[in-house]
Amino acid sequence: MTGPTDRPTREDVTTVEIPRVPADPAPVQPPPPPSGFWRELSGALALGLLVLALVVLGVQVLDWTQGMPGAGLFAVVAHFACAIGALLLQRQADRRRGPQAGLAVLLVWVLTGVVVWFFWWA
């Protein structure tokens, strides 16, 4: 910088403090994610249905390559439909509380029962 470094004088201005808003005595924190044995077990069932659907698809493709009929396209699609439905219901169960979460857990159990009953036991 060239030139004189003296600045012109200016009037003294007093600083005015902005009043502070007192902090809330207890900040609101989101509740911890709900957990519980039944909710975790239904999550395991939903994931198990997805793994089962992938296994059924793999066996069906293997059967088709060997020239055998396999379980059939209906069984594969039904396994995937129930698995996706169970995963979506489990997602709702993990994000909700109360009766809505309980209903979602119950419906995961129902979908698992439907798949096991109609495609594995009957």
C-alpha atoms as a PDB file:
ATOM      1  CA  MET A   1       0.000   0.000   0.000  1.00  0.00           C
ATOM      2  CA  THR A   2       1.380   3.369  -0.880  1.00  0.00           C
ATOM      3  CA  GLY A   3       0.659   6.710   0.627  1.00  0.00           C
ATOM      4  CA  PRO A   4       0.050   7.871   4.136  1.00  0.00           C
ATOM      5  CA  THR A   5      -1.382   5.416   6.590  1.00  0.00           C
ATOM      6  CA  ASP A   6      -3.156   8.010   8.651  1.00  0.00           C
ATOM      7  CA  ARG A   7      -6.862   7.667   8.532  1.00  0.00           C
ATOM      8  CA  PRO A   8      -9.198  10.531   8.933  1.00  0.00           C
ATOM      9  CA  THR A   9     -10.606  10.812  12.397  1.00  0.00           C
ATOM     10  CA  ARG A  10     -14.168   9.867  12.994  1.00  0.00           C
ATOM     11  CA  GLU A  11     -16.472  10.174  15.898  1.00  0.00           C
ATOM     12  CA  ASP A  12     -16.488   7.530  18.572  1.00  0.00           C
ATOM     13  CA  VAL A  13     -19.605   5.473  18.274  1.00  0.00           C
ATOM     14  CA  THR A  14     -20.578   3.362  21.203  1.00  0.00           C
ATOM     15  CA  THR A  15     -21.486  -0.204  20.515  1.00  0.00           C
ATOM     16  CA  VAL A  16     -24.958  -1.263  21.477  1.00  0.00           C
ATOM     17  CA  GLU A  17     -25.327  -4.879  22.519  1.00  0.00           C
ATOM     18  CA  ILE A  18     -28.208  -6.755  20.996  1.00  0.00           C
ATOM     19  CA  PRO A  19     -30.216  -8.373  23.763  1.00  0.00           C
ATOM     20  CA  ARG A  20     -29.824 -12.111  23.845  1.00  0.00           C
ATOM     21  CA  VAL A  21     -32.789 -14.408  23.881  1.00  0.00           C
ATOM     22  CA  PRO A  22     -32.437 -16.806  26.772  1.00  0.00           C
ATOM     23  CA  ALA A  23     -31.953 -20.404  25.706  1.00  0.00           C
ATOM     24  CA  ASP A  24     -34.774 -22.815  26.336  1.00  0.00           C
ATOM     25  CA  PRO A  25     -34.310 -24.533  29.677  1.00  0.00           C
ATOM     26  CA  ALA A  26     -34.668 -27.941  28.027  1.00  0.00           C
ATOM     27  CA  PRO A  27     -34.095 -28.081  24.282  1.00  0.00           C
ATOM     28  CA  VAL A  28     -36.513 -30.356  22.505  1.00  0.00           C
ATOM     29  CA  GLN A  29     -34.749 -33.443  21.233  1.00  0.00           C
ATOM     30  CA  PRO A  30     -36.302 -36.016  18.957  1.00  0.00           C
ATOM     31  CA  PRO A  31     -37.281 -39.208  20.730  1.00  0.00           C
ATOM     32  CA  PRO A  32     -34.889 -42.105  20.332  1.00  0.00           C
ATOM     33  CA  PRO A  33     -35.812 -44.589  17.626  1.00  0.00           C
ATOM     34  CA  PRO A  34     -38.174 -47.176  19.018  1.00  0.00           C
ATOM     35  CA  SER A  35     -36.884 -50.646  19.474  1.00  0.00           C
ATOM     36  CA  GLY A  36     -38.258 -53.835  20.826  1.00  0.00           C
ATOM     37  CA  PHE A  37     -38.097 -57.557  20.454  1.00  0.00           C
ATOM     38  CA  TRP A  38     -41.175 -57.909  18.231  1.00  0.00           C
ATOM     39  CA  ARG A  39     -40.174 -55.071  15.951  1.00  0.00           C
ATOM     40  CA  GLU A  40     -36.674 -56.491  15.534  1.00  0.00           C
ATOM     41  CA  LEU A  41     -38.043 -59.978  14.928  1.00  0.00           C
ATOM     42  CA  SER A  42     -40.404 -58.683  12.246  1.00  0.00           C
ATOM     43  CA  GLY A  43     -37.432 -56.956  10.612  1.00  0.00           C
ATOM     44  CA  ALA A  44     -35.602 -60.251  10.524  1.00  0.00           C
ATOM     45  CA  LEU A  45     -38.675 -61.890   8.979  1.00  0.00           C
ATOM     46  CA  ALA A  46     -38.935 -59.184   6.309  1.00  0.00           C
ATOM     47  CA  LEU A  47     -35.277 -59.578   5.403  1.00  0.00           C
ATOM     48  CA  GLY A  48     -35.680 -63.349   5.450  1.00  0.00           C
ATOM     49  CA  LEU A  49     -38.549 -63.071   2.975  1.00  0.00           C
ATOM     50  CA  LEU A  50     -36.328 -61.086   0.625  1.00  0.00           C
ATOM     51  CA  VAL A  51     -33.541 -63.661   0.872  1.00  0.00           C
ATOM     52  CA  LEU A  52     -36.073 -66.430   0.304  1.00  0.00           C
ATOM     53  CA  ALA A  53     -37.430 -64.658  -2.782  1.00  0.00           C
ATOM     54  CA  LEU A  54     -33.897 -64.342  -4.174  1.00  0.00           C
ATOM     55  CA  VAL A  55     -33.254 -68.042  -3.531  1.00  0.00           C
ATOM     56  CA  VAL A  56     -36.535 -69.010  -5.241  1.00  0.00           C
ATOM     57  CA  LEU A  57     -35.598 -66.826  -8.218  1.00  0.00           C
ATOM     58  CA  GLY A  58     -32.141 -68.415  -8.402  1.00  0.00           C
ATOM     59  CA  VAL A  59     -33.577 -71.930  -8.276  1.00  0.00           C
ATOM     60  CA  GLN A  60     -36.168 -71.021 -10.910  1.00  0.00           C
ATOM     61  CA  VAL A  61     -33.486 -69.687 -13.271  1.00  0.00           C
ATOM     62  CA  LEU A  62     -31.375 -72.793 -12.638  1.00  0.00           C
ATOM     63  CA  ASP A  63     -34.366 -75.014 -13.366  1.00  0.00           C
ATOM     64  CA  TRP A  64     -35.105 -73.154 -16.599  1.00  0.00           C
ATOM     65  CA  THR A  65     -31.516 -73.607 -17.766  1.00  0.00           C
ATOM     66  CA  GLN A  66     -31.793 -77.343 -17.054  1.00  0.00           C
ATOM     67  CA  GLY A  67     -35.080 -77.653 -18.951  1.00  0.00           C
ATOM     68  CA  MET A  68     -37.233 -78.306 -15.840  1.00  0.00           C
ATOM     69  CA  PRO A  69     -40.407 -76.410 -14.944  1.00  0.00           C
ATOM     70  CA  GLY A  70     -39.339 -75.325 -11.431  1.00  0.00           C
ATOM     71  CA  ALA A  71     -41.684 -73.579  -9.016  1.00  0.00           C
ATOM     72  CA  GLY A  72     -43.225 -71.395 -11.708  1.00  0.00           C
ATOM     73  CA  LEU A  73     -43.410 -67.732 -12.467  1.00  0.00           C
ATOM     74  CA  PHE A  74     -46.395 -67.203 -10.148  1.00  0.00           C
ATOM     75  CA  ALA A  75     -44.449 -68.475  -7.139  1.00  0.00           C
ATOM     76  CA  VAL A  76     -41.461 -66.260  -7.935  1.00  0.00           C
ATOM     77  CA  VAL A  77     -43.600 -63.146  -8.391  1.00  0.00           C
ATOM     78  CA  ALA A  78     -45.618 -63.896  -5.250  1.00  0.00           C
ATOM     79  CA  HIS A  79     -42.437 -64.341  -3.199  1.00  0.00           C
ATOM     80  CA  PHE A  80     -41.106 -60.986  -4.411  1.00  0.00           C
ATOM     81  CA  ALA A  81     -44.437 -59.203  -3.918  1.00  0.00           C
ATOM     82  CA  CYS A  82     -44.704 -60.422  -0.337  1.00  0.00           C
ATOM     83  CA  ALA A  83     -41.043 -59.631   0.359  1.00  0.00           C
ATOM     84  CA  ILE A  84     -41.352 -56.075  -0.954  1.00  0.00           C
ATOM     85  CA  GLY A  85     -44.597 -55.589   0.949  1.00  0.00           C
ATOM     86  CA  ALA A  86     -42.993 -56.855   4.156  1.00  0.00           C
ATOM     87  CA  LEU A  87     -39.996 -54.554   3.707  1.00  0.00           C
ATOM     88  CA  LEU A  88     -42.241 -51.526   3.166  1.00  0.00           C
ATOM     89  CA  LEU A  89     -44.328 -52.434   6.195  1.00  0.00           C
ATOM     90  CA  GLN A  90     -41.196 -52.905   8.270  1.00  0.00           C
ATOM     91  CA  ARG A  91     -39.994 -49.487   7.212  1.00  0.00           C
ATOM     92  CA  GLN A  92     -43.252 -48.014   8.480  1.00  0.00           C
ATOM     93  CA  ALA A  93     -42.963 -49.989  11.706  1.00  0.00           C
ATOM     94  CA  ASP A  94     -39.491 -48.601  12.292  1.00  0.00           C
ATOM     95  CA  ARG A  95     -40.597 -45.011  11.728  1.00  0.00           C
ATOM     96  CA  ARG A  96     -43.877 -44.961  13.631  1.00  0.00           C
ATOM     97  CA  ARG A  97     -44.981 -45.533  17.184  1.00  0.00           C
ATOM     98  CA  GLY A  98     -48.025 -46.889  18.887  1.00  0.00           C
ATOM     99  CA  PRO A  99     -50.822 -48.784  17.145  1.00  0.00           C
ATOM    100  CA  GLN A 100     -49.579 -47.910  13.653  1.00  0.00           C
ATOM    101  CA  ALA A 101     -46.235 -49.566  14.328  1.00  0.00           C
ATOM    102  CA  GLY A 102     -47.944 -52.545  15.942  1.00  0.00           C
ATOM    103  CA  LEU A 103     -50.211 -53.004  12.933  1.00  0.00           C
ATOM    104  CA  ALA A 104     -47.255 -52.863  10.557  1.00  0.00           C
ATOM    105  CA  VAL A 105     -45.406 -55.489  12.622  1.00  0.00           C
ATOM    106  CA  LEU A 106     -48.506 -57.683  12.633  1.00  0.00           C
ATOM    107  CA  LEU A 107     -48.874 -57.388   8.852  1.00  0.00           C
ATOM    108  CA  VAL A 108     -45.233 -58.410   8.358  1.00  0.00           C
ATOM    109  CA  TRP A 109     -46.007 -61.526  10.353  1.00  0.00           C
ATOM    110  CA  VAL A 110     -49.146 -62.144   8.268  1.00  0.00           C
ATOM    111  CA  LEU A 111     -47.249 -61.826   4.974  1.00  0.00           C
ATOM    112  CA  THR A 112     -44.592 -64.204   6.250  1.00  0.00           C
ATOM    113  CA  GLY A 113     -47.290 -66.667   7.265  1.00  0.00           C
ATOM    114  CA  VAL A 114     -48.967 -66.409   3.866  1.00  0.00           C
ATOM    115  CA  VAL A 115     -45.732 -67.174   2.017  1.00  0.00           C
ATOM    116  CA  VAL A 116     -44.789 -70.053   4.284  1.00  0.00           C
ATOM    117  CA  TRP A 117     -48.274 -71.528   4.294  1.00  0.00           C
ATOM    118  CA  PHE A 118     -49.117 -71.365   0.614  1.00  0.00           C
ATOM    119  CA  PHE A 119     -45.708 -72.005  -0.910  1.00  0.00           C
ATOM    120  CA  TRP A 120     -43.877 -74.219   1.577  1.00  0.00           C
ATOM    121  CA  TRP A 121     -46.311 -76.139   3.800  1.00  0.00           C
ATOM    122  CA  ALA A 122     -49.424 -76.606   1.707  1.00  0.00           C
END
